[in-house]
Amino acid sequence: MGSRSSVTDTEHAYIAGFLDGDGSLMFQLKKRADSTRGVRFMATICLYQDSRHDAPLAWMKTRLKCGYVSKRNDGMTELRINGFSQVRETLEALQPHLRFKKKQTKLLIQACAMLEKQTLRTMTSKNMRKIVDLLLLIQNGNYMSKKRRTKEDLYQILGLTP
């Protein structure tokens, strides 16, 4: 991701407002066959817009110098930003302007910072439990669309005993 210094404060405020209204912050544990534990954590910022009016998403991608835009089959377009460093850096830039997703943002920045420094393979049980707590707190701030895993489910997947 490139330097954010070329993005104005007003542009950051606009993007933050868009995230507050038409975006979501996701922190998930995903299955991954090519990893030691068979799972990995994934952090994502997702901004949504009706595909008939998706030009602002391409503009935001250009201004932020990260992410990718894709059209969904349901007439919506998404700008997705993945990766611990990119998500953390983007949220740090937007954080002063956020109103409704401040708590989730703070938690996701914390989780990304931890995961930038260590992998699941090298992480202590204590830190893994902290990551699980952050995941659950972040998810609780989102609308529920599917059945979510419980803390006990996550501990079992990660090989932690409660």
N, C-alpha and C. Protein backbone atom coordinates (compact mmCIF):
# COMPACT_ATOMS: atom_id res chain seq x y z
N MET A 1 0.84 -1.16 0.00
CA MET A 1 0.00 0.00 0.00
C MET A 1 0.89 1.23 0.00
N GLY A 2 0.51 2.20 -0.77
CA GLY A 2 1.30 3.41 -0.89
C GLY A 2 1.07 4.37 0.26
N SER A 3 1.76 5.49 0.17
CA SER A 3 1.65 6.51 1.20
C SER A 3 0.25 7.12 1.21
N ARG A 4 -0.26 7.37 2.38
CA ARG A 4 -1.58 7.98 2.51
C ARG A 4 -1.46 9.51 2.60
N SER A 5 -0.26 10.04 2.56
CA SER A 5 -0.08 11.48 2.75
C SER A 5 -0.76 12.29 1.64
N SER A 6 -1.00 11.68 0.47
CA SER A 6 -1.64 12.41 -0.62
C SER A 6 -3.16 12.47 -0.45
N VAL A 7 -3.71 11.72 0.48
CA VAL A 7 -5.15 11.73 0.73
C VAL A 7 -5.43 12.87 1.71
N THR A 8 -6.36 13.74 1.34
CA THR A 8 -6.66 14.88 2.20
C THR A 8 -7.51 14.45 3.40
N ASP A 9 -7.53 15.30 4.40
CA ASP A 9 -8.35 15.05 5.58
C ASP A 9 -9.82 14.96 5.20
N THR A 10 -10.25 15.78 4.26
CA THR A 10 -11.64 15.76 3.79
C THR A 10 -11.95 14.44 3.10
N GLU A 11 -11.01 13.92 2.31
CA GLU A 11 -11.21 12.63 1.65
C GLU A 11 -11.29 11.50 2.67
N HIS A 12 -10.42 11.54 3.68
CA HIS A 12 -10.49 10.53 4.75
C HIS A 12 -11.85 10.62 5.44
N ALA A 13 -12.34 11.81 5.69
CA ALA A 13 -13.63 11.99 6.36
C ALA A 13 -14.76 11.42 5.49
N TYR A 14 -14.70 11.66 4.18
CA TYR A 14 -15.72 11.13 3.28
C TYR A 14 -15.73 9.60 3.31
N ILE A 15 -14.54 9.00 3.19
CA ILE A 15 -14.42 7.54 3.16
C ILE A 15 -14.88 6.95 4.51
N ALA A 16 -14.51 7.62 5.60
CA ALA A 16 -14.94 7.16 6.93
C ALA A 16 -16.46 7.21 7.05
N GLY A 17 -17.07 8.26 6.56
CA GLY A 17 -18.53 8.36 6.60
C GLY A 17 -19.18 7.26 5.78
N PHE A 18 -18.57 6.95 4.64
CA PHE A 18 -19.08 5.86 3.80
C PHE A 18 -18.98 4.53 4.54
N LEU A 19 -17.84 4.29 5.20
CA LEU A 19 -17.65 3.07 5.98
C LEU A 19 -18.68 3.00 7.11
N ASP A 20 -18.88 4.09 7.80
CA ASP A 20 -19.88 4.12 8.89
C ASP A 20 -21.27 3.73 8.39
N GLY A 21 -21.63 4.21 7.20
CA GLY A 21 -22.98 3.97 6.69
C GLY A 21 -23.13 2.74 5.82
N ASP A 22 -22.19 2.49 4.93
CA ASP A 22 -22.32 1.41 3.94
C ASP A 22 -21.11 0.50 3.93
N GLY A 23 -20.61 0.19 5.11
CA GLY A 23 -19.45 -0.68 5.16
C GLY A 23 -19.51 -1.61 6.35
N SER A 24 -18.57 -2.53 6.37
CA SER A 24 -18.47 -3.41 7.52
C SER A 24 -17.02 -3.77 7.78
N LEU A 25 -16.75 -4.04 9.03
CA LEU A 25 -15.43 -4.48 9.47
C LEU A 25 -15.58 -5.94 9.87
N MET A 26 -14.78 -6.79 9.26
CA MET A 26 -14.90 -8.22 9.52
C MET A 26 -13.57 -8.78 10.01
N PHE A 27 -13.68 -9.63 11.00
CA PHE A 27 -12.54 -10.36 11.53
C PHE A 27 -13.00 -11.79 11.70
N GLN A 28 -12.44 -12.70 10.91
CA GLN A 28 -12.95 -14.05 10.83
C GLN A 28 -11.84 -15.08 10.98
N LEU A 29 -12.25 -16.27 11.36
CA LEU A 29 -11.38 -17.44 11.34
C LEU A 29 -11.85 -18.29 10.17
N LYS A 30 -10.97 -18.45 9.17
CA LYS A 30 -11.33 -19.15 7.93
C LYS A 30 -10.55 -20.45 7.82
N LYS A 31 -11.19 -21.46 7.21
CA LYS A 31 -10.49 -22.71 6.94
C LYS A 31 -9.42 -22.45 5.89
N ARG A 32 -8.28 -23.11 6.08
CA ARG A 32 -7.16 -22.94 5.16
C ARG A 32 -6.36 -24.22 5.14
N ALA A 33 -6.43 -24.96 4.06
CA ALA A 33 -5.79 -26.27 3.97
C ALA A 33 -4.28 -26.19 4.01
N ASP A 34 -3.70 -25.08 3.55
CA ASP A 34 -2.24 -25.00 3.45
C ASP A 34 -1.56 -24.42 4.69
N SER A 35 -2.28 -24.38 5.81
CA SER A 35 -1.66 -23.88 7.04
C SER A 35 -1.53 -25.02 8.06
N THR A 36 -0.65 -24.83 9.03
CA THR A 36 -0.39 -25.85 10.03
C THR A 36 -1.64 -26.25 10.79
N ARG A 37 -2.43 -25.27 11.21
CA ARG A 37 -3.63 -25.55 12.01
C ARG A 37 -4.88 -25.77 11.16
N GLY A 38 -4.78 -25.54 9.84
CA GLY A 38 -5.93 -25.72 8.97
C GLY A 38 -6.87 -24.53 8.97
N VAL A 39 -6.48 -23.45 9.65
CA VAL A 39 -7.27 -22.22 9.71
C VAL A 39 -6.33 -21.02 9.69
N ARG A 40 -6.92 -19.87 9.39
CA ARG A 40 -6.18 -18.61 9.48
C ARG A 40 -7.15 -17.49 9.84
N PHE A 41 -6.64 -16.44 10.44
CA PHE A 41 -7.46 -15.27 10.72
C PHE A 41 -7.44 -14.37 9.50
N MET A 42 -8.55 -13.68 9.28
CA MET A 42 -8.66 -12.79 8.14
C MET A 42 -9.35 -11.50 8.58
N ALA A 43 -8.72 -10.37 8.26
CA ALA A 43 -9.28 -9.05 8.56
C ALA A 43 -9.68 -8.40 7.24
N THR A 44 -10.88 -7.81 7.22
CA THR A 44 -11.39 -7.20 5.99
C THR A 44 -12.18 -5.94 6.31
N ILE A 45 -11.95 -4.92 5.49
CA ILE A 45 -12.83 -3.76 5.44
C ILE A 45 -13.62 -3.92 4.15
N CYS A 46 -14.93 -3.81 4.22
CA CYS A 46 -15.75 -3.96 3.01
C CYS A 46 -16.71 -2.78 2.92
N LEU A 47 -16.69 -2.12 1.75
CA LEU A 47 -17.60 -1.02 1.47
C LEU A 47 -18.52 -1.46 0.34
N TYR A 48 -19.83 -1.20 0.48
CA TYR A 48 -20.83 -1.71 -0.45
C TYR A 48 -21.54 -0.55 -1.15
N GLN A 49 -21.91 -0.80 -2.43
CA GLN A 49 -22.66 0.21 -3.16
C GLN A 49 -23.44 -0.49 -4.27
N ASP A 50 -24.63 0.00 -4.57
CA ASP A 50 -25.39 -0.49 -5.71
C ASP A 50 -24.52 -0.35 -6.96
N SER A 51 -24.46 -1.39 -7.77
CA SER A 51 -23.57 -1.41 -8.94
C SER A 51 -23.88 -0.30 -9.94
N ARG A 52 -25.10 0.22 -9.94
CA ARG A 52 -25.43 1.33 -10.84
C ARG A 52 -24.73 2.63 -10.43
N HIS A 53 -24.26 2.67 -9.19
CA HIS A 53 -23.65 3.89 -8.66
C HIS A 53 -22.31 3.56 -7.97
N ASP A 54 -21.50 2.72 -8.61
CA ASP A 54 -20.30 2.22 -7.93
C ASP A 54 -19.03 3.04 -8.17
N ALA A 55 -19.11 4.14 -8.89
CA ALA A 55 -17.92 4.95 -9.15
C ALA A 55 -17.19 5.40 -7.88
N PRO A 56 -17.90 5.74 -6.79
CA PRO A 56 -17.18 6.14 -5.58
C PRO A 56 -16.25 5.04 -5.03
N LEU A 57 -16.61 3.78 -5.23
CA LEU A 57 -15.76 2.69 -4.74
C LEU A 57 -14.43 2.66 -5.49
N ALA A 58 -14.46 2.84 -6.79
CA ALA A 58 -13.23 2.88 -7.59
C ALA A 58 -12.39 4.10 -7.18
N TRP A 59 -13.06 5.23 -6.92
CA TRP A 59 -12.35 6.42 -6.48
C TRP A 59 -11.66 6.18 -5.13
N MET A 60 -12.38 5.53 -4.19
CA MET A 60 -11.80 5.24 -2.87
C MET A 60 -10.61 4.30 -3.00
N LYS A 61 -10.71 3.28 -3.83
CA LYS A 61 -9.60 2.35 -4.06
C LYS A 61 -8.38 3.12 -4.55
N THR A 62 -8.60 4.02 -5.50
CA THR A 62 -7.49 4.83 -6.04
C THR A 62 -6.89 5.72 -4.97
N ARG A 63 -7.72 6.38 -4.20
CA ARG A 63 -7.22 7.30 -3.16
C ARG A 63 -6.48 6.55 -2.06
N LEU A 64 -7.02 5.40 -1.63
CA LEU A 64 -6.39 4.63 -0.55
C LEU A 64 -5.21 3.80 -1.02
N LYS A 65 -5.12 3.58 -2.33
CA LYS A 65 -4.02 2.80 -2.93
C LYS A 65 -4.00 1.36 -2.40
N CYS A 66 -5.18 0.79 -2.18
CA CYS A 66 -5.26 -0.61 -1.76
C CYS A 66 -6.67 -1.12 -1.97
N GLY A 67 -6.81 -2.43 -1.91
CA GLY A 67 -8.10 -3.07 -2.04
C GLY A 67 -8.41 -3.49 -3.46
N TYR A 68 -9.57 -4.08 -3.64
CA TYR A 68 -10.03 -4.46 -4.97
C TYR A 68 -11.55 -4.29 -5.02
N VAL A 69 -12.03 -3.94 -6.21
CA VAL A 69 -13.44 -3.72 -6.43
C VAL A 69 -13.99 -4.91 -7.22
N SER A 70 -15.13 -5.44 -6.78
CA SER A 70 -15.75 -6.54 -7.52
C SER A 70 -17.26 -6.40 -7.51
N LYS A 71 -17.86 -6.78 -8.64
CA LYS A 71 -19.32 -6.77 -8.76
C LYS A 71 -19.87 -8.11 -8.31
N ARG A 72 -20.91 -8.06 -7.49
CA ARG A 72 -21.56 -9.28 -7.04
C ARG A 72 -22.74 -9.60 -7.98
N ASN A 73 -23.27 -10.81 -7.86
CA ASN A 73 -24.39 -11.24 -8.70
C ASN A 73 -25.72 -10.60 -8.30
N ASP A 74 -25.77 -9.96 -7.13
CA ASP A 74 -27.03 -9.40 -6.65
C ASP A 74 -27.18 -7.91 -6.94
N GLY A 75 -26.35 -7.38 -7.86
CA GLY A 75 -26.47 -5.97 -8.22
C GLY A 75 -25.69 -5.03 -7.31
N MET A 76 -24.88 -5.59 -6.43
CA MET A 76 -24.05 -4.78 -5.53
C MET A 76 -22.59 -4.88 -5.95
N THR A 77 -21.84 -3.84 -5.64
CA THR A 77 -20.40 -3.83 -5.86
C THR A 77 -19.72 -3.60 -4.53
N GLU A 78 -18.56 -4.23 -4.35
CA GLU A 78 -17.82 -4.13 -3.09
C GLU A 78 -16.41 -3.62 -3.34
N LEU A 79 -15.93 -2.83 -2.42
CA LEU A 79 -14.50 -2.53 -2.30
C LEU A 79 -14.05 -3.28 -1.06
N ARG A 80 -13.13 -4.23 -1.24
CA ARG A 80 -12.60 -5.02 -0.13
C ARG A 80 -11.14 -4.71 0.08
N ILE A 81 -10.78 -4.49 1.34
CA ILE A 81 -9.39 -4.31 1.73
C ILE A 81 -9.08 -5.42 2.72
N ASN A 82 -8.11 -6.26 2.38
CA ASN A 82 -7.72 -7.41 3.20
C ASN A 82 -6.26 -7.26 3.63
N GLY A 83 -5.89 -8.05 4.60
CA GLY A 83 -4.51 -8.08 5.07
C GLY A 83 -4.34 -7.24 6.32
N PHE A 84 -3.60 -7.78 7.26
CA PHE A 84 -3.49 -7.12 8.56
C PHE A 84 -2.88 -5.72 8.46
N SER A 85 -1.82 -5.56 7.70
CA SER A 85 -1.17 -4.25 7.59
C SER A 85 -2.07 -3.25 6.87
N GLN A 86 -2.63 -3.66 5.73
CA GLN A 86 -3.48 -2.74 4.97
C GLN A 86 -4.73 -2.34 5.74
N VAL A 87 -5.35 -3.30 6.42
CA VAL A 87 -6.54 -2.99 7.21
C VAL A 87 -6.18 -2.05 8.37
N ARG A 88 -5.11 -2.38 9.08
CA ARG A 88 -4.70 -1.53 10.21
C ARG A 88 -4.38 -0.11 9.75
N GLU A 89 -3.57 0.02 8.70
CA GLU A 89 -3.17 1.35 8.22
C GLU A 89 -4.37 2.15 7.72
N THR A 90 -5.28 1.50 7.02
CA THR A 90 -6.47 2.18 6.52
C THR A 90 -7.34 2.66 7.68
N LEU A 91 -7.56 1.78 8.65
CA LEU A 91 -8.40 2.15 9.79
C LEU A 91 -7.75 3.25 10.64
N GLU A 92 -6.44 3.21 10.79
CA GLU A 92 -5.77 4.27 11.54
C GLU A 92 -5.97 5.62 10.86
N ALA A 93 -5.98 5.64 9.53
CA ALA A 93 -6.19 6.89 8.79
C ALA A 93 -7.63 7.38 8.90
N LEU A 94 -8.58 6.44 8.94
CA LEU A 94 -10.00 6.81 8.98
C LEU A 94 -10.52 7.03 10.40
N GLN A 95 -9.87 6.44 11.38
CA GLN A 95 -10.36 6.42 12.76
C GLN A 95 -10.80 7.78 13.31
N PRO A 96 -10.05 8.87 13.10
CA PRO A 96 -10.49 10.15 13.68
C PRO A 96 -11.84 10.64 13.16
N HIS A 97 -12.26 10.13 12.01
CA HIS A 97 -13.49 10.61 11.37
C HIS A 97 -14.68 9.68 11.56
N LEU A 98 -14.45 8.50 12.10
CA LEU A 98 -15.53 7.54 12.28
C LEU A 98 -16.43 7.95 13.44
N ARG A 99 -17.71 7.64 13.32
CA ARG A 99 -18.66 7.94 14.39
C ARG A 99 -19.30 6.67 14.94
N PHE A 100 -19.72 5.76 14.08
CA PHE A 100 -20.51 4.61 14.50
C PHE A 100 -19.68 3.33 14.64
N LYS A 101 -18.55 3.26 14.00
CA LYS A 101 -17.73 2.05 14.04
C LYS A 101 -16.42 2.28 14.81
N LYS A 102 -16.41 3.24 15.71
CA LYS A 102 -15.20 3.55 16.47
C LYS A 102 -14.72 2.38 17.32
N LYS A 103 -15.64 1.74 18.04
CA LYS A 103 -15.25 0.65 18.93
C LYS A 103 -14.71 -0.54 18.12
N GLN A 104 -15.42 -0.94 17.07
CA GLN A 104 -14.95 -2.03 16.22
C GLN A 104 -13.60 -1.70 15.60
N THR A 105 -13.44 -0.47 15.19
CA THR A 105 -12.18 -0.04 14.56
C THR A 105 -11.02 -0.20 15.53
N LYS A 106 -11.21 0.27 16.75
CA LYS A 106 -10.15 0.15 17.76
C LYS A 106 -9.77 -1.30 17.99
N LEU A 107 -10.79 -2.17 18.10
CA LEU A 107 -10.54 -3.60 18.33
C LEU A 107 -9.85 -4.26 17.14
N LEU A 108 -10.27 -3.91 15.92
CA LEU A 108 -9.67 -4.52 14.73
C LEU A 108 -8.24 -4.03 14.53
N ILE A 109 -7.96 -2.79 14.83
CA ILE A 109 -6.58 -2.29 14.78
C ILE A 109 -5.71 -3.09 15.74
N GLN A 110 -6.22 -3.33 16.93
CA GLN A 110 -5.48 -4.10 17.94
C GLN A 110 -5.21 -5.53 17.45
N ALA A 111 -6.23 -6.18 16.91
CA ALA A 111 -6.07 -7.55 16.41
C ALA A 111 -5.06 -7.61 15.26
N CYS A 112 -5.17 -6.68 14.34
CA CYS A 112 -4.25 -6.65 13.19
C CYS A 112 -2.81 -6.42 13.65
N ALA A 113 -2.63 -5.52 14.59
CA ALA A 113 -1.28 -5.25 15.10
C ALA A 113 -0.67 -6.51 15.72
N MET A 114 -1.48 -7.26 16.46
CA MET A 114 -0.99 -8.50 17.07
C MET A 114 -0.63 -9.52 15.99
N LEU A 115 -1.48 -9.66 14.98
CA LEU A 115 -1.27 -10.67 13.95
C LEU A 115 -0.19 -10.29 12.94
N GLU A 116 0.15 -9.01 12.86
CA GLU A 116 1.28 -8.59 12.03
C GLU A 116 2.59 -9.07 12.63
N LYS A 117 2.62 -9.22 13.95
CA LYS A 117 3.85 -9.55 14.66
C LYS A 117 4.08 -11.04 14.83
N GLN A 118 2.99 -11.83 14.79
CA GLN A 118 3.14 -13.26 15.06
C GLN A 118 2.11 -14.07 14.28
N THR A 119 2.46 -15.28 13.95
CA THR A 119 1.55 -16.17 13.25
C THR A 119 0.86 -17.06 14.27
N LEU A 120 -0.17 -17.76 13.81
CA LEU A 120 -0.85 -18.73 14.69
C LEU A 120 0.13 -19.76 15.22
N ARG A 121 1.09 -20.14 14.38
CA ARG A 121 2.06 -21.16 14.76
C ARG A 121 2.95 -20.70 15.92
N THR A 122 3.27 -19.40 15.95
CA THR A 122 4.18 -18.88 16.97
C THR A 122 3.47 -18.19 18.13
N MET A 123 2.15 -18.06 18.04
CA MET A 123 1.39 -17.31 19.04
C MET A 123 1.20 -18.12 20.32
N THR A 124 1.33 -17.46 21.45
CA THR A 124 1.10 -18.11 22.73
C THR A 124 -0.41 -18.37 22.91
N SER A 125 -0.75 -19.29 23.78
CA SER A 125 -2.15 -19.58 24.07
C SER A 125 -2.84 -18.33 24.61
N LYS A 126 -2.15 -17.58 25.44
CA LYS A 126 -2.72 -16.36 26.01
C LYS A 126 -3.09 -15.37 24.90
N ASN A 127 -2.20 -15.18 23.94
CA ASN A 127 -2.48 -14.25 22.84
C ASN A 127 -3.57 -14.78 21.92
N MET A 128 -3.61 -16.11 21.73
CA MET A 128 -4.68 -16.69 20.91
C MET A 128 -6.04 -16.44 21.56
N ARG A 129 -6.09 -16.57 22.87
CA ARG A 129 -7.34 -16.30 23.58
C ARG A 129 -7.73 -14.82 23.44
N LYS A 130 -6.76 -13.95 23.49
CA LYS A 130 -7.02 -12.52 23.31
C LYS A 130 -7.57 -12.24 21.91
N ILE A 131 -6.99 -12.91 20.89
CA ILE A 131 -7.46 -12.75 19.51
C ILE A 131 -8.91 -13.25 19.39
N VAL A 132 -9.22 -14.38 20.03
CA VAL A 132 -10.59 -14.91 20.00
C VAL A 132 -11.54 -13.90 20.64
N ASP A 133 -11.15 -13.31 21.76
CA ASP A 133 -11.99 -12.30 22.42
C ASP A 133 -12.23 -11.11 21.50
N LEU A 134 -11.17 -10.65 20.81
CA LEU A 134 -11.31 -9.53 19.88
C LEU A 134 -12.25 -9.90 18.73
N LEU A 135 -12.09 -11.10 18.20
CA LEU A 135 -12.94 -11.57 17.11
C LEU A 135 -14.41 -11.52 17.52
N LEU A 136 -14.72 -12.04 18.69
CA LEU A 136 -16.11 -12.08 19.15
C LEU A 136 -16.66 -10.68 19.40
N LEU A 137 -15.86 -9.78 19.96
CA LEU A 137 -16.31 -8.41 20.18
C LEU A 137 -16.57 -7.68 18.87
N ILE A 138 -15.71 -7.87 17.89
CA ILE A 138 -15.88 -7.24 16.58
C ILE A 138 -17.14 -7.78 15.92
N GLN A 139 -17.32 -9.10 15.93
CA GLN A 139 -18.50 -9.70 15.31
C GLN A 139 -19.79 -9.25 15.98
N ASN A 140 -19.75 -9.04 17.29
CA ASN A 140 -20.96 -8.61 18.00
C ASN A 140 -21.42 -7.23 17.56
N GLY A 141 -20.53 -6.45 16.98
CA GLY A 141 -20.88 -5.13 16.47
C GLY A 141 -21.50 -5.17 15.09
N ASN A 142 -21.54 -6.34 14.45
CA ASN A 142 -22.10 -6.49 13.10
C ASN A 142 -23.50 -7.08 13.17
N TYR A 143 -24.26 -6.86 12.10
CA TYR A 143 -25.55 -7.53 11.97
C TYR A 143 -25.29 -9.02 11.82
N MET A 144 -26.13 -9.82 12.42
CA MET A 144 -25.94 -11.27 12.34
C MET A 144 -26.58 -11.79 11.05
N SER A 145 -25.76 -12.40 10.19
CA SER A 145 -26.31 -12.95 8.96
C SER A 145 -26.28 -14.47 8.95
N LYS A 146 -25.37 -15.05 9.69
CA LYS A 146 -25.25 -16.51 9.75
C LYS A 146 -25.03 -16.90 11.21
N LYS A 147 -25.20 -18.18 11.48
CA LYS A 147 -24.90 -18.67 12.81
C LYS A 147 -23.40 -18.50 13.04
N ARG A 148 -23.07 -17.92 14.14
CA ARG A 148 -21.66 -17.67 14.46
C ARG A 148 -21.12 -18.74 15.38
N ARG A 149 -19.82 -18.89 15.32
CA ARG A 149 -19.14 -19.82 16.23
C ARG A 149 -19.07 -19.21 17.62
N THR A 150 -19.17 -20.05 18.62
CA THR A 150 -19.05 -19.60 20.00
C THR A 150 -17.57 -19.57 20.39
N LYS A 151 -17.30 -18.99 21.54
CA LYS A 151 -15.93 -18.98 22.06
C LYS A 151 -15.41 -20.41 22.20
N GLU A 152 -16.27 -21.29 22.70
CA GLU A 152 -15.86 -22.70 22.87
C GLU A 152 -15.54 -23.34 21.52
N ASP A 153 -16.35 -23.05 20.49
CA ASP A 153 -16.08 -23.56 19.14
C ASP A 153 -14.71 -23.10 18.66
N LEU A 154 -14.44 -21.82 18.84
CA LEU A 154 -13.17 -21.24 18.37
C LEU A 154 -11.99 -21.84 19.13
N TYR A 155 -12.14 -21.99 20.44
CA TYR A 155 -11.07 -22.62 21.23
C TYR A 155 -10.79 -24.03 20.74
N GLN A 156 -11.84 -24.78 20.45
CA GLN A 156 -11.65 -26.15 19.98
C GLN A 156 -10.92 -26.17 18.63
N ILE A 157 -11.33 -25.31 17.71
CA ILE A 157 -10.70 -25.22 16.40
C ILE A 157 -9.21 -24.88 16.54
N LEU A 158 -8.89 -24.00 17.47
CA LEU A 158 -7.51 -23.54 17.66
C LEU A 158 -6.70 -24.44 18.58
N GLY A 159 -7.34 -25.48 19.10
CA GLY A 159 -6.60 -26.42 19.98
C GLY A 159 -6.35 -25.86 21.37
N LEU A 160 -7.22 -24.95 21.80
CA LEU A 160 -7.09 -24.39 23.16
C LEU A 160 -8.09 -25.06 24.07
N THR A 161 -7.69 -25.31 25.28
CA THR A 161 -8.63 -25.85 26.26
C THR A 161 -9.18 -24.70 27.07
N PRO A 162 -10.50 -24.67 27.30
CA PRO A 162 -11.09 -23.54 28.03
C PRO A 162 -10.60 -23.39 29.45
